[in-house]
Amino acid sequence: TYDKASHYLTNVTFVLGLLAAGCGSTESSIIASFLSLPGAQCFSQNQFAAIEEELGSLMRETANKSMDEALCTEVQMTVPSSKYQKWKYRYSPADPLPEIAASYDMGWQKRSSGRTYDLISGHGMMIGCQSSKIVDAVILSKKCNICSIASSNPPPPHTCPKNYEGSSKGMEAEGSLACAQEQERGNMQL
């Protein structure tokens, strides 16, 4: 368990900065040690993960709201006003969904030489062609550290990031399909 009172603004800002830089708890203890901050080792072991978890859920919520707004903007820029109103206020579920043009690309956490396709995770984004805003994003991962460690016993309850079984080479196509299907499902509920 962790104590929310220990989430001082400085600690939260420190974790947020490390996450923005692509760093984790190991780097937090190294930096805190170089700065001679008290409890550097304890912070990385105990508080970093708790603050990261809390910040992560807020960041995902904010990102989802932003993508919903971007989708509305994209549809508004693409279709005539009357069709936009029909879509936005759902006069009838049988009405066809508006068609938008979007671009999709995927990136990975590790460079590939062009011949090696052993990447564990990747992130893809669908960007509206009219607004140039991100209308959807997907993260695909072939591995979960918690599940990997608990190979002989069932893993403890956790949010498992593993959501992809195929080859790393096929990740981009899978991510593109997932974004398109998510937009279709999401449009039914917006």
N, C-alpha and C. Protein backbone atom coordinates (compact mmCIF):
# COMPACT_ATOMS: atom_id res chain seq x y z
N THR A 1 0.84 -1.19 0.00
CA THR A 1 0.00 0.00 0.00
C THR A 1 0.88 1.24 0.00
N TYR A 2 0.29 2.34 -0.41
CA TYR A 2 1.05 3.57 -0.41
C TYR A 2 0.23 4.67 0.24
N ASP A 3 0.92 5.69 0.67
CA ASP A 3 0.27 6.78 1.38
C ASP A 3 0.11 7.95 0.41
N LYS A 4 -1.14 8.33 0.09
CA LYS A 4 -1.35 9.43 -0.84
C LYS A 4 -0.80 10.74 -0.32
N ALA A 5 -0.65 10.87 0.99
CA ALA A 5 -0.08 12.09 1.56
C ALA A 5 1.37 12.27 1.11
N SER A 6 2.02 11.17 0.70
CA SER A 6 3.40 11.27 0.26
C SER A 6 3.51 11.75 -1.19
N HIS A 7 2.38 11.96 -1.83
CA HIS A 7 2.38 12.43 -3.21
C HIS A 7 2.49 13.95 -3.24
N TYR A 8 3.54 14.46 -2.71
CA TYR A 8 3.76 15.90 -2.74
C TYR A 8 3.92 16.34 -4.18
N LEU A 9 3.62 17.60 -4.44
CA LEU A 9 3.70 18.13 -5.79
C LEU A 9 5.07 17.89 -6.41
N THR A 10 6.13 18.00 -5.63
CA THR A 10 7.48 17.78 -6.14
C THR A 10 7.65 16.34 -6.62
N ASN A 11 7.15 15.38 -5.84
CA ASN A 11 7.27 13.97 -6.23
C ASN A 11 6.48 13.70 -7.51
N VAL A 12 5.27 14.22 -7.57
CA VAL A 12 4.42 14.00 -8.75
C VAL A 12 5.07 14.64 -9.98
N THR A 13 5.58 15.85 -9.83
CA THR A 13 6.24 16.53 -10.95
C THR A 13 7.49 15.77 -11.37
N PHE A 14 8.24 15.24 -10.42
CA PHE A 14 9.45 14.46 -10.70
C PHE A 14 9.09 13.22 -11.53
N VAL A 15 8.06 12.50 -11.11
CA VAL A 15 7.64 11.29 -11.83
C VAL A 15 7.12 11.67 -13.22
N LEU A 16 6.34 12.73 -13.31
CA LEU A 16 5.80 13.16 -14.60
C LEU A 16 6.92 13.54 -15.56
N GLY A 17 7.93 14.23 -15.06
CA GLY A 17 9.08 14.59 -15.89
C GLY A 17 9.84 13.37 -16.37
N LEU A 18 10.03 12.40 -15.48
CA LEU A 18 10.73 11.17 -15.88
C LEU A 18 9.93 10.39 -16.93
N LEU A 19 8.62 10.33 -16.74
CA LEU A 19 7.79 9.62 -17.72
C LEU A 19 7.84 10.32 -19.07
N ALA A 20 7.81 11.65 -19.07
CA ALA A 20 7.89 12.41 -20.32
C ALA A 20 9.22 12.18 -21.02
N ALA A 21 10.27 11.94 -20.24
CA ALA A 21 11.59 11.69 -20.82
C ALA A 21 11.81 10.23 -21.18
N GLY A 22 10.80 9.38 -20.92
CA GLY A 22 10.93 7.96 -21.25
C GLY A 22 11.68 7.17 -20.20
N CYS A 23 11.75 7.68 -18.99
CA CYS A 23 12.49 7.02 -17.91
C CYS A 23 11.53 6.35 -16.94
N GLY A 24 12.08 5.51 -16.08
CA GLY A 24 11.27 4.79 -15.11
C GLY A 24 11.83 4.88 -13.71
N SER A 25 11.44 3.90 -12.89
CA SER A 25 11.82 3.94 -11.47
C SER A 25 13.32 3.78 -11.25
N THR A 26 13.99 3.00 -12.08
CA THR A 26 15.44 2.84 -11.93
C THR A 26 16.13 4.18 -12.11
N GLU A 27 15.74 4.90 -13.16
CA GLU A 27 16.34 6.21 -13.41
C GLU A 27 16.00 7.21 -12.31
N SER A 28 14.79 7.05 -11.71
CA SER A 28 14.41 7.97 -10.63
C SER A 28 15.36 7.83 -9.44
N SER A 29 15.74 6.61 -9.11
CA SER A 29 16.65 6.43 -7.97
C SER A 29 18.05 6.93 -8.30
N ILE A 30 18.48 6.77 -9.55
CA ILE A 30 19.81 7.25 -9.95
C ILE A 30 19.86 8.78 -9.85
N ILE A 31 18.85 9.44 -10.42
CA ILE A 31 18.83 10.90 -10.39
C ILE A 31 18.69 11.41 -8.96
N ALA A 32 17.81 10.80 -8.19
CA ALA A 32 17.61 11.22 -6.80
C ALA A 32 18.89 11.02 -5.98
N SER A 33 19.62 9.95 -6.26
CA SER A 33 20.89 9.70 -5.56
C SER A 33 21.92 10.77 -5.91
N PHE A 34 22.03 11.13 -7.20
CA PHE A 34 22.98 12.17 -7.60
C PHE A 34 22.62 13.52 -6.99
N LEU A 35 21.34 13.75 -6.76
CA LEU A 35 20.91 15.02 -6.15
C LEU A 35 20.97 14.97 -4.63
N SER A 36 21.42 13.85 -4.08
CA SER A 36 21.52 13.63 -2.63
C SER A 36 20.19 13.82 -1.93
N LEU A 37 19.13 13.38 -2.58
CA LEU A 37 17.81 13.47 -1.97
C LEU A 37 17.62 12.33 -0.98
N PRO A 38 17.02 12.61 0.17
CA PRO A 38 16.82 11.55 1.15
C PRO A 38 15.82 10.51 0.65
N GLY A 39 16.07 9.27 0.97
CA GLY A 39 15.15 8.18 0.61
C GLY A 39 15.10 7.89 -0.87
N ALA A 40 16.20 8.11 -1.59
CA ALA A 40 16.22 7.91 -3.04
C ALA A 40 15.85 6.49 -3.42
N GLN A 41 16.41 5.50 -2.73
CA GLN A 41 16.12 4.10 -3.05
C GLN A 41 14.68 3.74 -2.72
N CYS A 42 14.20 4.22 -1.58
CA CYS A 42 12.81 3.92 -1.18
C CYS A 42 11.82 4.52 -2.15
N PHE A 43 12.13 5.72 -2.66
CA PHE A 43 11.21 6.38 -3.58
C PHE A 43 11.02 5.53 -4.84
N SER A 44 12.11 5.04 -5.39
CA SER A 44 11.99 4.28 -6.63
C SER A 44 11.25 2.96 -6.40
N GLN A 45 11.44 2.36 -5.24
CA GLN A 45 10.81 1.07 -4.98
C GLN A 45 9.34 1.21 -4.60
N ASN A 46 9.01 2.22 -3.82
CA ASN A 46 7.67 2.30 -3.26
C ASN A 46 6.76 3.30 -3.96
N GLN A 47 7.22 4.53 -4.04
CA GLN A 47 6.32 5.59 -4.45
C GLN A 47 6.24 5.80 -5.95
N PHE A 48 7.30 5.55 -6.68
CA PHE A 48 7.29 5.81 -8.11
C PHE A 48 6.14 5.05 -8.79
N ALA A 49 6.03 3.76 -8.52
CA ALA A 49 4.99 2.96 -9.17
C ALA A 49 3.59 3.44 -8.81
N ALA A 50 3.38 3.81 -7.55
CA ALA A 50 2.06 4.28 -7.12
C ALA A 50 1.70 5.59 -7.79
N ILE A 51 2.66 6.51 -7.86
CA ILE A 51 2.40 7.80 -8.51
C ILE A 51 2.22 7.58 -10.01
N GLU A 52 3.06 6.72 -10.60
CA GLU A 52 2.95 6.42 -12.03
C GLU A 52 1.59 5.85 -12.37
N GLU A 53 1.09 4.95 -11.54
CA GLU A 53 -0.23 4.34 -11.77
C GLU A 53 -1.32 5.41 -11.73
N GLU A 54 -1.25 6.27 -10.74
CA GLU A 54 -2.26 7.33 -10.62
C GLU A 54 -2.18 8.32 -11.78
N LEU A 55 -0.96 8.74 -12.13
CA LEU A 55 -0.78 9.66 -13.25
C LEU A 55 -1.20 9.01 -14.56
N GLY A 56 -0.87 7.73 -14.71
CA GLY A 56 -1.19 7.02 -15.94
C GLY A 56 -2.67 7.00 -16.24
N SER A 57 -3.49 6.75 -15.22
CA SER A 57 -4.93 6.72 -15.46
C SER A 57 -5.45 8.10 -15.83
N LEU A 58 -4.91 9.15 -15.20
CA LEU A 58 -5.32 10.52 -15.54
C LEU A 58 -4.86 10.90 -16.95
N MET A 59 -3.66 10.49 -17.32
CA MET A 59 -3.14 10.79 -18.65
C MET A 59 -3.95 10.07 -19.73
N ARG A 60 -4.32 8.80 -19.47
CA ARG A 60 -5.15 8.06 -20.44
C ARG A 60 -6.52 8.70 -20.59
N GLU A 61 -7.10 9.12 -19.48
CA GLU A 61 -8.42 9.77 -19.51
C GLU A 61 -8.36 11.07 -20.32
N THR A 62 -7.32 11.87 -20.08
CA THR A 62 -7.14 13.12 -20.81
C THR A 62 -6.91 12.86 -22.30
N ALA A 63 -6.09 11.87 -22.61
CA ALA A 63 -5.83 11.54 -24.01
C ALA A 63 -7.10 11.09 -24.72
N ASN A 64 -7.91 10.26 -24.06
CA ASN A 64 -9.16 9.79 -24.68
C ASN A 64 -10.12 10.95 -24.93
N LYS A 65 -10.23 11.88 -23.99
CA LYS A 65 -11.08 13.06 -24.20
C LYS A 65 -10.57 13.89 -25.37
N SER A 66 -9.27 14.06 -25.43
CA SER A 66 -8.66 14.84 -26.50
C SER A 66 -8.92 14.19 -27.86
N MET A 67 -8.81 12.87 -27.93
CA MET A 67 -9.05 12.18 -29.21
C MET A 67 -10.52 12.24 -29.59
N ASP A 68 -11.43 12.18 -28.61
CA ASP A 68 -12.86 12.32 -28.92
C ASP A 68 -13.14 13.71 -29.50
N GLU A 69 -12.55 14.74 -28.90
CA GLU A 69 -12.72 16.09 -29.41
C GLU A 69 -12.11 16.23 -30.80
N ALA A 70 -10.95 15.61 -31.02
CA ALA A 70 -10.30 15.66 -32.33
C ALA A 70 -11.16 14.98 -33.40
N LEU A 71 -11.80 13.87 -33.03
CA LEU A 71 -12.68 13.18 -33.97
C LEU A 71 -13.86 14.07 -34.34
N CYS A 72 -14.45 14.72 -33.35
CA CYS A 72 -15.56 15.65 -33.63
C CYS A 72 -15.11 16.75 -34.58
N THR A 73 -13.93 17.31 -34.33
CA THR A 73 -13.39 18.35 -35.19
C THR A 73 -13.18 17.82 -36.60
N GLU A 74 -12.63 16.62 -36.70
CA GLU A 74 -12.36 16.03 -38.03
C GLU A 74 -13.66 15.81 -38.80
N VAL A 75 -14.66 15.27 -38.14
CA VAL A 75 -15.94 15.02 -38.81
C VAL A 75 -16.56 16.36 -39.22
N GLN A 76 -16.50 17.34 -38.34
CA GLN A 76 -17.08 18.66 -38.64
C GLN A 76 -16.39 19.30 -39.85
N MET A 77 -15.08 19.10 -39.98
CA MET A 77 -14.33 19.67 -41.10
C MET A 77 -14.54 18.90 -42.39
N THR A 78 -14.98 17.65 -42.28
CA THR A 78 -15.09 16.78 -43.45
C THR A 78 -16.47 16.75 -44.07
N VAL A 79 -17.50 16.69 -43.26
CA VAL A 79 -18.85 16.49 -43.80
C VAL A 79 -19.67 17.78 -43.71
N PRO A 80 -20.73 17.88 -44.53
CA PRO A 80 -21.60 19.06 -44.45
C PRO A 80 -22.24 19.18 -43.06
N SER A 81 -22.63 20.38 -42.72
CA SER A 81 -23.17 20.68 -41.39
C SER A 81 -24.35 19.80 -41.02
N SER A 82 -25.25 19.54 -41.97
CA SER A 82 -26.43 18.73 -41.66
C SER A 82 -26.04 17.30 -41.30
N LYS A 83 -25.06 16.74 -42.00
CA LYS A 83 -24.61 15.38 -41.69
C LYS A 83 -23.87 15.35 -40.35
N TYR A 84 -23.13 16.42 -40.06
CA TYR A 84 -22.43 16.49 -38.78
C TYR A 84 -23.43 16.49 -37.63
N GLN A 85 -24.50 17.28 -37.76
CA GLN A 85 -25.52 17.34 -36.71
C GLN A 85 -26.18 15.98 -36.51
N LYS A 86 -26.45 15.28 -37.61
CA LYS A 86 -27.04 13.94 -37.52
C LYS A 86 -26.12 13.00 -36.77
N TRP A 87 -24.84 13.07 -37.10
CA TRP A 87 -23.85 12.20 -36.45
C TRP A 87 -23.69 12.57 -34.99
N LYS A 88 -23.54 13.85 -34.70
CA LYS A 88 -23.27 14.31 -33.34
C LYS A 88 -24.42 14.00 -32.39
N TYR A 89 -25.65 14.19 -32.85
CA TYR A 89 -26.79 14.03 -31.96
C TYR A 89 -27.58 12.75 -32.20
N ARG A 90 -27.09 11.89 -33.09
CA ARG A 90 -27.64 10.55 -33.32
C ARG A 90 -29.17 10.56 -33.47
N TYR A 91 -29.62 11.19 -34.55
CA TYR A 91 -31.05 11.20 -34.79
C TYR A 91 -31.58 9.78 -34.95
N SER A 92 -30.77 8.93 -35.59
CA SER A 92 -31.18 7.54 -35.78
C SER A 92 -29.94 6.66 -35.81
N PRO A 93 -29.93 5.56 -35.06
CA PRO A 93 -28.77 4.66 -35.09
C PRO A 93 -28.57 4.02 -36.46
N ALA A 94 -29.61 4.03 -37.28
CA ALA A 94 -29.51 3.42 -38.61
C ALA A 94 -28.82 4.34 -39.61
N ASP A 95 -28.65 5.63 -39.26
CA ASP A 95 -27.97 6.56 -40.16
C ASP A 95 -26.54 6.10 -40.40
N PRO A 96 -26.07 6.21 -41.64
CA PRO A 96 -24.68 5.80 -41.91
C PRO A 96 -23.69 6.73 -41.20
N LEU A 97 -22.59 6.17 -40.78
CA LEU A 97 -21.55 6.96 -40.13
C LEU A 97 -20.83 7.81 -41.17
N PRO A 98 -20.39 9.00 -40.78
CA PRO A 98 -19.65 9.84 -41.73
C PRO A 98 -18.30 9.21 -42.06
N GLU A 99 -17.89 9.41 -43.28
CA GLU A 99 -16.58 8.89 -43.70
C GLU A 99 -15.56 10.01 -43.60
N ILE A 100 -14.44 9.70 -42.97
CA ILE A 100 -13.35 10.67 -42.88
C ILE A 100 -12.09 10.04 -43.44
N ALA A 101 -11.16 10.87 -43.86
CA ALA A 101 -9.86 10.38 -44.31
C ALA A 101 -8.88 10.53 -43.15
N ALA A 102 -8.11 9.49 -42.92
CA ALA A 102 -7.14 9.52 -41.83
C ALA A 102 -5.86 8.82 -42.27
N SER A 103 -4.78 9.22 -41.67
CA SER A 103 -3.49 8.62 -41.92
C SER A 103 -3.09 7.83 -40.68
N TYR A 104 -2.39 6.73 -40.87
CA TYR A 104 -1.99 5.90 -39.73
C TYR A 104 -0.52 5.57 -39.85
N ASP A 105 0.16 5.59 -38.71
CA ASP A 105 1.56 5.16 -38.69
C ASP A 105 1.84 4.55 -37.33
N MET A 106 2.84 3.68 -37.30
CA MET A 106 3.21 3.00 -36.06
C MET A 106 4.69 3.22 -35.78
N GLY A 107 5.01 3.32 -34.50
CA GLY A 107 6.39 3.42 -34.08
C GLY A 107 6.68 2.35 -33.05
N TRP A 108 7.96 2.06 -32.85
CA TRP A 108 8.37 1.04 -31.91
C TRP A 108 9.37 1.60 -30.93
N GLN A 109 9.52 0.94 -29.79
CA GLN A 109 10.41 1.42 -28.75
C GLN A 109 11.88 1.07 -29.04
N LYS A 110 12.14 0.38 -30.12
CA LYS A 110 13.49 -0.06 -30.42
C LYS A 110 13.69 0.06 -31.93
N ARG A 111 14.83 0.53 -32.34
CA ARG A 111 15.10 0.63 -33.77
C ARG A 111 15.27 -0.76 -34.37
N SER A 112 14.85 -0.87 -35.63
CA SER A 112 15.03 -2.13 -36.34
C SER A 112 16.03 -1.92 -37.46
N SER A 113 16.78 -2.93 -37.76
CA SER A 113 17.77 -2.82 -38.84
C SER A 113 17.12 -3.03 -40.20
N GLY A 114 15.85 -3.37 -40.23
CA GLY A 114 15.20 -3.68 -41.50
C GLY A 114 15.14 -5.18 -41.73
N ARG A 115 15.94 -5.93 -40.97
CA ARG A 115 15.93 -7.40 -41.09
C ARG A 115 15.50 -8.06 -39.79
N THR A 116 15.54 -7.33 -38.70
CA THR A 116 15.21 -7.89 -37.40
C THR A 116 13.82 -7.43 -36.98
N TYR A 117 12.93 -8.37 -36.76
CA TYR A 117 11.57 -8.04 -36.35
C TYR A 117 11.27 -8.73 -35.02
N ASP A 118 11.95 -8.30 -33.95
CA ASP A 118 11.77 -8.92 -32.64
C ASP A 118 11.27 -7.91 -31.60
N LEU A 119 10.57 -6.90 -32.06
CA LEU A 119 10.10 -5.85 -31.18
C LEU A 119 8.98 -6.35 -30.28
N ILE A 120 8.97 -5.93 -29.03
CA ILE A 120 8.00 -6.42 -28.06
C ILE A 120 6.73 -5.57 -28.06
N SER A 121 6.87 -4.25 -28.29
CA SER A 121 5.68 -3.40 -28.27
C SER A 121 5.82 -2.26 -29.27
N GLY A 122 4.66 -1.71 -29.63
CA GLY A 122 4.64 -0.58 -30.55
C GLY A 122 3.42 0.29 -30.28
N HIS A 123 3.47 1.50 -30.79
CA HIS A 123 2.36 2.44 -30.61
C HIS A 123 1.97 3.01 -31.98
N GLY A 124 0.68 3.01 -32.25
CA GLY A 124 0.18 3.51 -33.52
C GLY A 124 -0.79 4.66 -33.30
N MET A 125 -0.82 5.58 -34.26
CA MET A 125 -1.72 6.72 -34.17
C MET A 125 -2.42 6.95 -35.49
N MET A 126 -3.71 7.25 -35.39
CA MET A 126 -4.52 7.59 -36.55
C MET A 126 -4.75 9.11 -36.50
N ILE A 127 -4.36 9.79 -37.58
CA ILE A 127 -4.42 11.24 -37.61
C ILE A 127 -5.38 11.68 -38.71
N GLY A 128 -6.34 12.53 -38.36
CA GLY A 128 -7.30 13.04 -39.33
C GLY A 128 -6.60 13.90 -40.37
N CYS A 129 -6.95 13.70 -41.64
CA CYS A 129 -6.29 14.42 -42.73
C CYS A 129 -6.68 15.89 -42.79
N GLN A 130 -7.88 16.25 -42.35
CA GLN A 130 -8.31 17.64 -42.39
C GLN A 130 -7.79 18.44 -41.20
N SER A 131 -7.87 17.89 -40.02
CA SER A 131 -7.50 18.63 -38.80
C SER A 131 -6.05 18.41 -38.38
N SER A 132 -5.43 17.36 -38.87
CA SER A 132 -4.07 16.96 -38.46
C SER A 132 -4.00 16.67 -36.97
N LYS A 133 -5.12 16.22 -36.40
CA LYS A 133 -5.17 15.87 -34.98
C LYS A 133 -5.28 14.36 -34.83
N ILE A 134 -4.78 13.84 -33.71
CA ILE A 134 -4.85 12.41 -33.44
C ILE A 134 -6.28 12.05 -33.06
N VAL A 135 -6.91 11.18 -33.86
CA VAL A 135 -8.29 10.77 -33.59
C VAL A 135 -8.36 9.42 -32.89
N ASP A 136 -7.28 8.68 -32.90
CA ASP A 136 -7.22 7.41 -32.16
C ASP A 136 -5.77 6.97 -32.03
N ALA A 137 -5.52 6.15 -31.03
CA ALA A 137 -4.18 5.62 -30.80
C ALA A 137 -4.31 4.21 -30.24
N VAL A 138 -3.29 3.41 -30.48
CA VAL A 138 -3.29 2.03 -29.99
C VAL A 138 -1.87 1.68 -29.53
N ILE A 139 -1.79 0.89 -28.47
CA ILE A 139 -0.51 0.36 -28.01
C ILE A 139 -0.64 -1.15 -28.04
N LEU A 140 0.26 -1.79 -28.75
CA LEU A 140 0.26 -3.26 -28.83
C LEU A 140 1.51 -3.79 -28.14
N SER A 141 1.32 -4.84 -27.35
CA SER A 141 2.44 -5.41 -26.61
C SER A 141 2.36 -6.93 -26.63
N LYS A 142 3.51 -7.56 -26.84
CA LYS A 142 3.57 -9.02 -26.89
C LYS A 142 4.01 -9.63 -25.56
N LYS A 143 4.28 -8.78 -24.56
CA LYS A 143 4.83 -9.30 -23.32
C LYS A 143 4.31 -8.52 -22.12
N CYS A 144 4.19 -9.22 -21.00
CA CYS A 144 3.87 -8.60 -19.72
C CYS A 144 4.90 -9.12 -18.72
N ASN A 145 5.64 -8.21 -18.10
CA ASN A 145 6.68 -8.62 -17.15
C ASN A 145 6.10 -9.37 -15.96
N ILE A 146 4.95 -8.94 -15.47
CA ILE A 146 4.34 -9.60 -14.30
C ILE A 146 3.94 -11.02 -14.66
N CYS A 147 3.33 -11.22 -15.82
CA CYS A 147 2.93 -12.57 -16.25
C CYS A 147 4.16 -13.43 -16.52
N SER A 148 5.22 -12.83 -17.08
CA SER A 148 6.44 -13.59 -17.38
C SER A 148 7.12 -14.10 -16.12
N ILE A 149 7.15 -13.28 -15.08
CA ILE A 149 7.79 -13.66 -13.82
C ILE A 149 7.00 -14.77 -13.14
N ALA A 150 5.69 -14.68 -13.21
CA ALA A 150 4.82 -15.65 -12.52
C ALA A 150 4.46 -16.81 -13.44
N SER A 151 5.46 -17.40 -14.10
CA SER A 151 5.18 -18.45 -15.08
C SER A 151 4.65 -19.74 -14.44
N SER A 152 5.13 -20.10 -13.25
CA SER A 152 4.67 -21.35 -12.63
C SER A 152 3.38 -21.16 -11.84
N ASN A 153 3.18 -20.00 -11.28
CA ASN A 153 1.96 -19.70 -10.52
C ASN A 153 1.13 -18.69 -11.29
N PRO A 154 -0.16 -18.64 -11.01
CA PRO A 154 -0.95 -17.59 -11.67
C PRO A 154 -0.47 -16.22 -11.19
N PRO A 155 -0.39 -15.26 -12.11
CA PRO A 155 0.08 -13.93 -11.70
C PRO A 155 -0.92 -13.24 -10.79
N PRO A 156 -0.44 -12.32 -9.97
CA PRO A 156 -1.37 -11.56 -9.12
C PRO A 156 -2.26 -10.68 -9.99
N PRO A 157 -3.39 -10.24 -9.48
CA PRO A 157 -4.25 -9.35 -10.27
C PRO A 157 -3.48 -8.08 -10.67
N HIS A 158 -3.55 -7.75 -11.94
CA HIS A 158 -2.86 -6.57 -12.45
C HIS A 158 -3.47 -6.17 -13.79
N THR A 159 -3.14 -4.98 -14.24
CA THR A 159 -3.55 -4.53 -15.57
C THR A 159 -2.50 -5.07 -16.53
N CYS A 160 -2.86 -6.07 -17.30
CA CYS A 160 -1.91 -6.74 -18.18
C CYS A 160 -1.82 -6.01 -19.52
N PRO A 161 -0.62 -5.58 -19.90
CA PRO A 161 -0.48 -4.87 -21.17
C PRO A 161 -0.44 -5.78 -22.41
N LYS A 162 -0.28 -7.09 -22.18
CA LYS A 162 -0.16 -8.01 -23.32
C LYS A 162 -1.49 -8.08 -24.06
N ASN A 163 -1.48 -7.65 -25.33
CA ASN A 163 -2.69 -7.65 -26.13
C ASN A 163 -2.44 -8.02 -27.58
N TYR A 164 -1.27 -8.63 -27.85
CA TYR A 164 -0.94 -8.98 -29.23
C TYR A 164 -0.14 -10.28 -29.24
N GLU A 165 -0.51 -11.18 -30.13
CA GLU A 165 0.15 -12.49 -30.22
C GLU A 165 0.98 -12.68 -31.49
N GLY A 166 0.73 -11.91 -32.52
CA GLY A 166 1.36 -12.15 -33.82
C GLY A 166 2.82 -11.74 -33.88
N SER A 167 3.31 -11.65 -35.12
CA SER A 167 4.70 -11.26 -35.33
C SER A 167 4.83 -9.75 -35.18
N SER A 168 6.04 -9.31 -34.89
CA SER A 168 6.29 -7.87 -34.78
C SER A 168 6.06 -7.18 -36.12
N LYS A 169 6.34 -7.88 -37.18
CA LYS A 169 6.17 -7.32 -38.52
C LYS A 169 4.70 -7.03 -38.82
N GLY A 170 3.80 -7.83 -38.26
CA GLY A 170 2.37 -7.66 -38.50
C GLY A 170 1.69 -6.68 -37.55
N MET A 171 2.46 -6.12 -36.63
CA MET A 171 1.89 -5.23 -35.61
C MET A 171 1.25 -3.98 -36.23
N GLU A 172 1.89 -3.41 -37.25
CA GLU A 172 1.38 -2.17 -37.83
C GLU A 172 0.01 -2.37 -38.46
N ALA A 173 -0.15 -3.45 -39.20
CA ALA A 173 -1.45 -3.74 -39.83
C ALA A 173 -2.51 -4.01 -38.76
N GLU A 174 -2.14 -4.74 -37.73
CA GLU A 174 -3.08 -5.04 -36.65
C GLU A 174 -3.50 -3.77 -35.92
N GLY A 175 -2.55 -2.87 -35.69
CA GLY A 175 -2.85 -1.61 -35.03
C GLY A 175 -3.77 -0.73 -35.87
N SER A 176 -3.54 -0.70 -37.16
CA SER A 176 -4.39 0.08 -38.06
C SER A 176 -5.82 -0.45 -38.05
N LEU A 177 -5.96 -1.75 -38.11
CA LEU A 177 -7.29 -2.37 -38.06
C LEU A 177 -7.96 -2.08 -36.72
N ALA A 178 -7.22 -2.18 -35.63
CA ALA A 178 -7.78 -1.92 -34.30
C ALA A 178 -8.29 -0.49 -34.19
N CYS A 179 -7.54 0.49 -34.72
CA CYS A 179 -7.97 1.89 -34.68
C CYS A 179 -9.24 2.08 -35.50
N ALA A 180 -9.28 1.50 -36.69
CA ALA A 180 -10.47 1.65 -37.55
C ALA A 180 -11.69 1.03 -36.88
N GLN A 181 -11.53 -0.15 -36.30
CA GLN A 181 -12.66 -0.80 -35.63
C GLN A 181 -13.08 -0.03 -34.38
N GLU A 182 -12.13 0.52 -33.66
CA GLU A 182 -12.44 1.32 -32.47
C GLU A 182 -13.23 2.56 -32.86
N GLN A 183 -12.84 3.19 -33.96
CA GLN A 183 -13.57 4.38 -34.42
C GLN A 183 -15.01 4.02 -34.79
N GLU A 184 -15.18 2.88 -35.44
CA GLU A 184 -16.52 2.48 -35.82
C GLU A 184 -17.37 2.20 -34.57
N ARG A 185 -16.80 1.48 -33.60
CA ARG A 185 -17.53 1.20 -32.34
C ARG A 185 -17.76 2.48 -31.57
N GLY A 186 -16.74 3.32 -31.46
CA GLY A 186 -16.85 4.56 -30.72
C GLY A 186 -17.87 5.51 -31.31
N ASN A 187 -17.95 5.54 -32.65
CA ASN A 187 -18.92 6.43 -33.31
C ASN A 187 -20.34 6.05 -32.99
N MET A 188 -20.55 4.78 -32.69
CA MET A 188 -21.90 4.34 -32.34
C MET A 188 -22.30 4.91 -30.98
N GLN A 189 -21.32 5.22 -30.13
CA GLN A 189 -21.62 5.61 -28.75
C GLN A 189 -21.39 7.08 -28.46
N LEU A 190 -20.69 7.82 -29.31
CA LEU A 190 -20.37 9.23 -29.02
C LEU A 190 -21.59 10.07 -28.81
